């Protein structure tokens, strides 16, 4: 069964002189609404904290999900416990492979309607938070970035809520493909670029990288 195992919200920290909201802890309910269009316009989760407003938040990064199954894989790999929310996710999911979700697939969770948007870019704050040797390279090599969602209809999400896929797009571009393209994969990159399913701020770098020059 596809469901939300845990709903998580940031406990802010002063981390090396800057605020970070990557430490997410379980909360009984998330109130979901659409933030403004730009980075810096906040989270789609009421009361959530975003430290790096230059690269996080806004419409296309309103809600972040990561699979419990992936956390379990990393627990075995790292030899340490990883609680729900450890990777900074608002939604810890079960029974769904987030890399297989189609870009712009709509998803009903609780009373909110979300839409699959863009891949995560693992950042320095994530590396510092995890405190593992070569963390960013290891996370990238694993190939599962979780999934960001934009908010189509506001609502509330609780642990235990089912995840219903609706309005499946026909283009066939998955989150996993978008992530590989973002990282420069020479085979997948042109395919994702030609599909033009990503928002302009993510589409334009792909076009510069993968569109043949005359």
Protein backbone atom coordinates (compact mmCIF):
# COMPACT_ATOMS: atom_id res chain seq x y z
CA UNK A 1 0.00 0.00 0.00
CA UNK A 2 1.29 3.45 -0.93
CA UNK A 3 1.11 5.63 2.13
CA UNK A 4 2.74 8.31 4.23
CA UNK A 5 4.63 6.75 7.11
CA UNK A 6 5.63 10.01 8.79
CA UNK A 7 4.87 13.72 8.41
CA UNK A 8 7.86 15.86 9.37
CA UNK A 9 8.62 19.49 10.05
CA UNK A 10 11.88 21.35 10.63
CA UNK A 11 13.57 21.89 13.96
CA UNK A 12 15.81 24.84 13.01
CA UNK A 13 19.48 24.85 13.97
CA UNK A 14 22.21 27.46 13.85
CA UNK A 15 24.67 25.46 11.75
CA UNK A 16 28.13 26.96 11.23
CA UNK A 17 26.76 30.47 11.46
CA UNK A 18 23.65 29.97 9.34
CA UNK A 19 20.15 28.64 9.97
CA UNK A 20 19.23 25.25 8.54
CA UNK A 21 15.91 23.42 8.51
CA UNK A 22 17.26 20.09 7.30
CA UNK A 23 16.57 18.45 10.67
CA UNK A 24 12.96 17.34 10.25
CA UNK A 25 11.05 15.67 13.11
CA UNK A 26 7.65 13.92 13.09
CA UNK A 27 4.60 16.17 13.53
CA UNK A 28 0.99 14.97 13.84
CA UNK A 29 -0.33 16.88 10.82
CA UNK A 30 1.06 19.05 8.03
CA UNK A 31 -0.94 22.01 6.80
CA UNK A 32 -0.15 22.31 3.09
CA UNK A 33 -0.52 25.39 0.88
CA UNK A 34 1.21 26.80 -2.18
CA UNK A 35 4.10 29.19 -1.52
CA UNK A 36 5.08 31.95 -3.93
CA UNK A 37 6.73 31.10 -7.24
CA UNK A 38 10.36 31.77 -6.34
CA UNK A 39 13.08 30.34 -4.15
CA UNK A 40 12.91 32.30 -0.92
CA UNK A 41 9.11 32.28 -0.94
CA UNK A 42 9.00 29.67 1.80
CA UNK A 43 7.86 26.10 2.24
CA UNK A 44 4.53 24.61 1.30
CA UNK A 45 4.32 23.25 4.86
CA UNK A 46 3.05 25.71 7.47
CA UNK A 47 5.64 26.32 10.17
CA UNK A 48 8.45 24.66 8.26
CA UNK A 49 11.83 26.42 8.16
CA UNK A 50 14.05 26.85 5.11
CA UNK A 51 17.58 28.02 5.77
CA UNK A 52 19.01 28.23 2.24
CA UNK A 53 16.36 30.38 0.59
CA UNK A 54 18.51 30.83 -2.53
CA UNK A 55 18.05 27.19 -3.53
CA UNK A 56 15.05 25.84 -1.58
CA UNK A 57 11.37 26.57 -1.16
CA UNK A 58 9.02 28.22 -3.61
CA UNK A 59 6.40 26.67 -5.83
CA UNK A 60 8.47 23.86 -7.35
CA UNK A 61 10.06 22.80 -4.05
CA UNK A 62 7.06 23.20 -1.79
CA UNK A 63 7.00 19.70 -0.25
CA UNK A 64 9.79 17.12 -0.20
CA UNK A 65 9.32 13.35 0.05
CA UNK A 66 11.76 10.50 0.60
CA UNK A 67 11.05 6.79 0.83
CA UNK A 68 11.42 4.83 4.06
CA UNK A 69 12.73 1.95 1.98
CA UNK A 70 15.63 4.13 0.84
CA UNK A 71 16.34 5.23 4.40
CA UNK A 72 16.45 1.55 5.35
CA UNK A 73 18.96 0.89 2.54
CA UNK A 74 21.14 3.72 3.79
CA UNK A 75 20.88 2.46 7.37
CA UNK A 76 22.44 -0.80 6.27
CA UNK A 77 25.02 0.99 4.14
CA UNK A 78 26.08 3.45 6.85
CA UNK A 79 25.61 1.20 9.88
CA UNK A 80 23.58 3.78 11.77
CA UNK A 81 19.95 4.49 12.52
CA UNK A 82 18.19 7.01 10.29
CA UNK A 83 14.93 8.26 11.76
CA UNK A 84 12.08 9.44 9.58
CA UNK A 85 12.90 12.97 8.45
CA UNK A 86 16.68 12.50 8.61
CA UNK A 87 17.16 13.41 4.93
CA UNK A 88 15.14 16.60 5.39
CA UNK A 89 11.92 15.18 4.00
CA UNK A 90 8.48 16.48 4.95
CA UNK A 91 6.92 13.16 3.91
CA UNK A 92 8.51 9.80 4.65
CA UNK A 93 6.70 7.42 2.32
CA UNK A 94 6.16 3.65 2.14
CA UNK A 95 5.21 1.39 -0.73
CA UNK A 96 6.05 3.81 -3.54
CA UNK A 97 9.21 4.15 -5.63
CA UNK A 98 9.62 7.90 -5.94
CA UNK A 99 12.18 7.66 -8.75
CA UNK A 100 9.49 5.99 -10.89
CA UNK A 101 6.98 8.81 -10.50
CA UNK A 102 6.37 10.77 -13.70
CA UNK A 103 7.23 14.44 -13.79
CA UNK A 104 3.98 16.47 -13.40
CA UNK A 105 2.12 13.39 -12.10
CA UNK A 106 -0.57 14.55 -9.70
CA UNK A 107 -0.81 12.84 -6.33
CA UNK A 108 -3.67 13.00 -3.83
CA UNK A 109 -2.47 12.70 -0.22
CA UNK A 110 -4.89 13.42 2.59
CA UNK A 111 -6.94 16.43 1.51
CA UNK A 112 -4.06 17.98 -0.48
CA UNK A 113 -3.41 17.57 -4.20
CA UNK A 114 0.29 17.69 -5.08
CA UNK A 115 2.19 17.48 -8.36
CA UNK A 116 5.60 15.86 -8.93
CA UNK A 117 7.95 18.68 -9.86
CA UNK A 118 11.76 18.49 -9.75
CA UNK A 119 14.68 16.46 -8.44
CA UNK A 120 16.71 17.35 -5.38
CA UNK A 121 20.22 18.71 -5.71
CA UNK A 122 22.22 17.37 -2.74
CA UNK A 123 23.97 20.34 -1.15
CA UNK A 124 26.73 21.19 1.29
CA UNK A 125 24.29 21.55 4.19
CA UNK A 126 23.12 17.98 3.54
CA UNK A 127 26.72 16.76 3.55
CA UNK A 128 27.51 18.58 6.78
CA UNK A 129 24.33 17.29 8.40
CA UNK A 130 25.07 13.67 7.49
CA UNK A 131 28.78 13.94 8.44
CA UNK A 132 29.75 10.95 6.31
CA UNK A 133 32.95 10.70 4.25
CA UNK A 134 32.26 11.50 0.59
CA UNK A 135 28.55 11.84 1.30
CA UNK A 136 27.46 13.87 -1.72
CA UNK A 137 29.20 11.54 -4.17
CA UNK A 138 27.72 8.49 -2.49
CA UNK A 139 24.20 9.93 -2.45
CA UNK A 140 24.44 10.93 -6.11
CA UNK A 141 25.77 7.51 -7.11
CA UNK A 142 22.79 5.81 -5.46
CA UNK A 143 20.55 7.63 -7.93
CA UNK A 144 17.49 8.28 -5.76
CA UNK A 145 16.92 11.96 -4.94
CA UNK A 146 13.46 11.56 -3.47
CA UNK A 147 10.89 13.91 -5.02
CA UNK A 148 9.80 17.50 -4.70
CA UNK A 149 6.16 18.43 -5.16
CA UNK A 150 4.31 21.61 -5.99
CA UNK A 151 0.91 22.26 -4.38
CA UNK A 152 -2.15 22.22 -6.64
CA UNK A 153 -4.81 22.18 -3.91
CA UNK A 154 -4.08 23.00 -0.25
CA UNK A 155 -5.07 20.62 2.49
CA UNK A 156 -3.82 18.55 5.41
CA UNK A 157 -1.62 15.46 5.41
CA UNK A 158 -1.23 13.02 8.28
CA UNK A 159 0.83 9.89 8.87
CA UNK A 160 -1.06 6.91 7.53
CA UNK A 161 -2.69 8.81 4.66
CA UNK A 162 -2.75 6.88 1.39
CA UNK A 163 -0.98 8.13 -1.74
CA UNK A 164 -3.24 8.11 -4.80
CA UNK A 165 -1.80 8.72 -8.27
CA UNK A 166 -4.10 10.70 -10.57
CA UNK A 167 -3.93 12.24 -14.07
CA UNK A 168 -0.91 10.27 -15.30
CA UNK A 169 1.06 12.20 -17.95
CA UNK A 170 1.83 10.52 -21.27
CA UNK A 171 5.41 11.73 -21.74
CA UNK A 172 7.15 8.92 -19.81
CA UNK A 173 9.76 11.13 -18.12
CA UNK A 174 10.33 9.89 -14.57
CA UNK A 175 11.84 11.60 -11.56
CA UNK A 176 14.82 9.25 -11.87
CA UNK A 177 15.38 10.35 -15.47
CA UNK A 178 15.10 14.02 -14.53
CA UNK A 179 17.65 13.49 -11.76
CA UNK A 180 20.11 11.80 -14.11
CA UNK A 181 19.66 14.58 -16.65
CA UNK A 182 20.29 17.19 -13.96
CA UNK A 183 23.55 15.43 -13.12
CA UNK A 184 24.64 15.47 -16.76
CA UNK A 185 23.86 11.95 -17.99
CA UNK A 186 24.68 12.10 -21.75
CA UNK A 187 22.07 9.48 -22.72
CA UNK A 188 19.11 10.58 -20.63
CA UNK A 189 19.83 14.32 -20.71
CA UNK A 190 18.79 14.93 -24.34
CA UNK A 191 15.62 12.84 -23.89
CA UNK A 192 14.51 14.88 -20.88
CA UNK A 193 15.48 18.13 -22.59
CA UNK A 194 13.38 17.39 -25.69
CA UNK A 195 10.35 16.46 -23.57
CA UNK A 196 10.20 19.99 -22.10
CA UNK A 197 8.32 18.86 -18.99
CA UNK A 198 10.34 20.81 -16.41
CA UNK A 199 9.83 24.40 -15.23
CA UNK A 200 11.96 26.99 -17.07
CA UNK A 201 14.48 27.41 -14.25
CA UNK A 202 15.30 23.69 -14.61
CA UNK A 203 14.69 23.34 -18.35
CA UNK A 204 17.02 26.12 -19.44
CA UNK A 205 20.24 24.63 -17.98
CA UNK A 206 19.44 21.35 -19.75
CA UNK A 207 18.98 23.14 -23.05
CA UNK A 208 22.32 24.90 -22.67
CA UNK A 209 23.98 21.59 -21.93
CA UNK A 210 22.25 19.17 -24.28
CA UNK A 211 20.91 21.15 -27.26
CA UNK A 212 23.24 20.70 -30.25
CA UNK A 213 24.91 23.89 -31.44
CA UNK A 214 24.63 24.85 -35.13
